[in-house]
N, C-alpha and C. Protein backbone atom coordinates (compact mmCIF):
# COMPACT_ATOMS: atom_id res chain seq x y z
N MET A 1 -34.46 96.10 -184.47
CA MET A 1 -34.76 95.73 -185.82
C MET A 1 -34.09 94.38 -186.13
N GLU A 2 -34.81 93.49 -186.75
CA GLU A 2 -34.33 92.15 -187.07
C GLU A 2 -33.48 92.19 -188.34
N LYS A 3 -32.33 91.51 -188.28
CA LYS A 3 -31.44 91.48 -189.44
C LYS A 3 -31.93 90.42 -190.43
N LYS A 4 -32.08 90.80 -191.67
CA LYS A 4 -32.51 89.87 -192.71
C LYS A 4 -31.28 89.33 -193.43
N GLU A 5 -31.31 88.03 -193.69
CA GLU A 5 -30.21 87.42 -194.43
C GLU A 5 -30.35 87.74 -195.91
N ASN A 6 -29.23 87.80 -196.56
CA ASN A 6 -29.22 88.03 -197.99
C ASN A 6 -29.70 86.75 -198.68
N LEU A 7 -30.82 86.82 -199.36
CA LEU A 7 -31.39 85.65 -200.01
C LEU A 7 -30.78 85.36 -201.37
N ILE A 8 -30.03 86.29 -201.90
CA ILE A 8 -29.37 86.08 -203.18
C ILE A 8 -27.99 85.52 -202.91
N LYS A 9 -27.74 84.34 -203.47
CA LYS A 9 -26.44 83.70 -203.30
C LYS A 9 -25.79 83.57 -204.67
N PRO A 10 -24.74 84.32 -204.92
CA PRO A 10 -24.10 84.23 -206.23
C PRO A 10 -23.46 82.86 -206.42
N ARG A 11 -23.46 82.39 -207.65
CA ARG A 11 -22.90 81.08 -207.95
C ARG A 11 -21.78 81.26 -208.97
N LEU A 12 -20.64 80.70 -208.66
CA LEU A 12 -19.49 80.77 -209.55
C LEU A 12 -19.15 79.36 -209.99
N THR A 13 -19.16 79.12 -211.27
CA THR A 13 -18.82 77.81 -211.81
C THR A 13 -17.46 77.92 -212.48
N VAL A 14 -16.48 77.23 -211.90
CA VAL A 14 -15.12 77.29 -212.42
C VAL A 14 -14.88 76.17 -213.43
N LEU A 15 -15.41 74.99 -213.13
CA LEU A 15 -15.22 73.83 -214.00
C LEU A 15 -16.56 73.33 -214.51
N LYS A 16 -16.55 72.78 -215.71
CA LYS A 16 -17.75 72.16 -216.27
C LYS A 16 -17.91 70.77 -215.66
N ASP A 17 -19.11 70.22 -215.71
CA ASP A 17 -19.38 68.91 -215.13
C ASP A 17 -18.47 67.83 -215.69
N ASP A 18 -18.23 67.84 -217.00
CA ASP A 18 -17.36 66.82 -217.60
C ASP A 18 -15.92 66.97 -217.13
N GLN A 19 -15.48 68.18 -216.84
CA GLN A 19 -14.14 68.40 -216.31
C GLN A 19 -14.03 67.86 -214.88
N ILE A 20 -15.06 68.05 -214.10
CA ILE A 20 -15.08 67.53 -212.73
C ILE A 20 -15.05 66.01 -212.75
N GLU A 21 -15.82 65.40 -213.64
CA GLU A 21 -15.84 63.94 -213.76
C GLU A 21 -14.48 63.40 -214.18
N LYS A 22 -13.80 64.10 -215.10
CA LYS A 22 -12.46 63.67 -215.55
C LYS A 22 -11.46 63.75 -214.40
N ILE A 23 -11.50 64.81 -213.63
CA ILE A 23 -10.60 64.95 -212.47
C ILE A 23 -10.86 63.82 -211.48
N HIS A 24 -12.12 63.53 -211.23
CA HIS A 24 -12.47 62.46 -210.29
C HIS A 24 -11.97 61.11 -210.79
N ALA A 25 -12.21 60.80 -212.07
CA ALA A 25 -11.77 59.52 -212.64
C ALA A 25 -10.24 59.39 -212.59
N ASP A 26 -9.54 60.45 -212.94
CA ASP A 26 -8.08 60.43 -212.90
C ASP A 26 -7.56 60.30 -211.47
N SER A 27 -8.23 60.91 -210.52
CA SER A 27 -7.84 60.78 -209.11
C SER A 27 -7.96 59.34 -208.65
N LEU A 28 -9.04 58.68 -209.05
CA LEU A 28 -9.23 57.27 -208.69
C LEU A 28 -8.13 56.40 -209.30
N LYS A 29 -7.73 56.70 -210.55
CA LYS A 29 -6.65 55.95 -211.19
C LYS A 29 -5.34 56.13 -210.43
N ILE A 30 -5.04 57.35 -210.04
CA ILE A 30 -3.81 57.63 -209.30
C ILE A 30 -3.81 56.92 -207.95
N LEU A 31 -4.92 57.00 -207.22
CA LEU A 31 -4.99 56.36 -205.91
C LEU A 31 -4.85 54.85 -206.01
N SER A 32 -5.33 54.24 -207.09
CA SER A 32 -5.26 52.79 -207.22
C SER A 32 -3.93 52.31 -207.80
N SER A 33 -3.29 53.11 -208.65
CA SER A 33 -2.04 52.66 -209.27
C SER A 33 -0.80 53.16 -208.54
N ILE A 34 -0.74 54.42 -208.24
CA ILE A 34 0.42 55.00 -207.56
C ILE A 34 0.25 54.93 -206.05
N GLY A 35 -0.94 55.27 -205.58
CA GLY A 35 -1.22 55.21 -204.15
C GLY A 35 -0.94 56.53 -203.45
N VAL A 36 -1.04 56.47 -202.15
CA VAL A 36 -0.81 57.63 -201.31
C VAL A 36 0.08 57.20 -200.13
N ARG A 37 1.00 58.06 -199.76
CA ARG A 37 1.89 57.74 -198.64
C ARG A 37 1.16 57.96 -197.33
N VAL A 38 1.22 56.93 -196.48
CA VAL A 38 0.62 57.02 -195.15
C VAL A 38 1.74 56.76 -194.15
N ASP A 39 2.18 57.79 -193.46
CA ASP A 39 3.30 57.66 -192.53
C ASP A 39 2.94 56.90 -191.26
N SER A 40 1.71 56.96 -190.86
CA SER A 40 1.27 56.34 -189.61
C SER A 40 1.09 54.83 -189.76
N GLU A 41 1.78 54.07 -188.92
CA GLU A 41 1.62 52.61 -188.92
C GLU A 41 0.18 52.23 -188.61
N LYS A 42 -0.41 52.91 -187.64
CA LYS A 42 -1.81 52.64 -187.29
C LYS A 42 -2.72 52.94 -188.48
N GLY A 43 -2.43 54.02 -189.19
CA GLY A 43 -3.21 54.36 -190.38
C GLY A 43 -3.11 53.28 -191.44
N ARG A 44 -1.89 52.75 -191.67
CA ARG A 44 -1.72 51.67 -192.64
C ARG A 44 -2.46 50.41 -192.20
N GLN A 45 -2.47 50.14 -190.90
CA GLN A 45 -3.21 48.98 -190.39
C GLN A 45 -4.71 49.13 -190.63
N ILE A 46 -5.21 50.33 -190.44
CA ILE A 46 -6.64 50.59 -190.69
C ILE A 46 -6.96 50.37 -192.17
N PHE A 47 -6.11 50.89 -193.05
CA PHE A 47 -6.32 50.66 -194.48
C PHE A 47 -6.23 49.18 -194.82
N ALA A 48 -5.24 48.48 -194.27
CA ALA A 48 -5.08 47.05 -194.55
C ALA A 48 -6.32 46.27 -194.14
N LYS A 49 -6.89 46.62 -193.01
CA LYS A 49 -8.10 45.95 -192.54
C LYS A 49 -9.28 46.27 -193.45
N ALA A 50 -9.36 47.50 -193.93
CA ALA A 50 -10.50 47.93 -194.74
C ALA A 50 -10.41 47.46 -196.20
N ILE A 51 -9.21 47.49 -196.79
CA ILE A 51 -9.10 47.19 -198.22
C ILE A 51 -8.20 46.01 -198.52
N GLY A 52 -7.61 45.40 -197.53
CA GLY A 52 -6.76 44.23 -197.75
C GLY A 52 -5.29 44.58 -197.70
N SER A 53 -4.51 43.65 -197.18
CA SER A 53 -3.09 43.91 -196.97
C SER A 53 -2.30 44.02 -198.28
N LYS A 54 -2.81 43.45 -199.38
CA LYS A 54 -2.11 43.55 -200.66
C LYS A 54 -1.99 44.99 -201.14
N ALA A 55 -2.90 45.84 -200.70
CA ALA A 55 -2.91 47.23 -201.13
C ALA A 55 -1.98 48.11 -200.29
N VAL A 56 -1.39 47.54 -199.23
CA VAL A 56 -0.58 48.32 -198.31
C VAL A 56 0.88 47.89 -198.41
N GLY A 57 1.77 48.84 -198.71
CA GLY A 57 3.20 48.57 -198.76
C GLY A 57 3.88 49.14 -197.52
N ASP A 58 5.19 49.40 -197.62
CA ASP A 58 5.94 49.95 -196.49
C ASP A 58 5.31 51.24 -195.98
N ASP A 59 5.08 52.18 -196.86
CA ASP A 59 4.41 53.42 -196.45
C ASP A 59 3.44 53.92 -197.51
N ILE A 60 3.19 53.09 -198.53
CA ILE A 60 2.28 53.45 -199.62
C ILE A 60 1.01 52.59 -199.54
N VAL A 61 -0.12 53.25 -199.67
CA VAL A 61 -1.41 52.56 -199.69
C VAL A 61 -2.04 52.82 -201.05
N ARG A 62 -2.41 51.74 -201.73
CA ARG A 62 -3.12 51.85 -203.01
C ARG A 62 -4.59 51.58 -202.74
N ILE A 63 -5.41 52.53 -203.08
CA ILE A 63 -6.83 52.48 -202.76
C ILE A 63 -7.61 52.12 -204.03
N PRO A 64 -8.26 50.95 -204.03
CA PRO A 64 -9.02 50.56 -205.22
C PRO A 64 -10.17 51.52 -205.50
N ALA A 65 -10.53 51.63 -206.77
CA ALA A 65 -11.58 52.59 -207.18
C ALA A 65 -12.95 52.22 -206.65
N GLU A 66 -13.23 50.95 -206.47
CA GLU A 66 -14.58 50.58 -206.01
C GLU A 66 -14.75 50.74 -204.53
């Protein structure tokens, strides 16, 4: 006998669309102003090449929103 997949997929919505957009916008602000710590020298070099060396500090990378 062939097993049939359950065609009903329950959907759970935890956040509203405007809440998701706010989280995304705030995340972009944090990444561009505070940055993220990148311990790997090679990782910082990759970021510097991709977004410019001004965005890369000793171990902090600031990622522009665009």
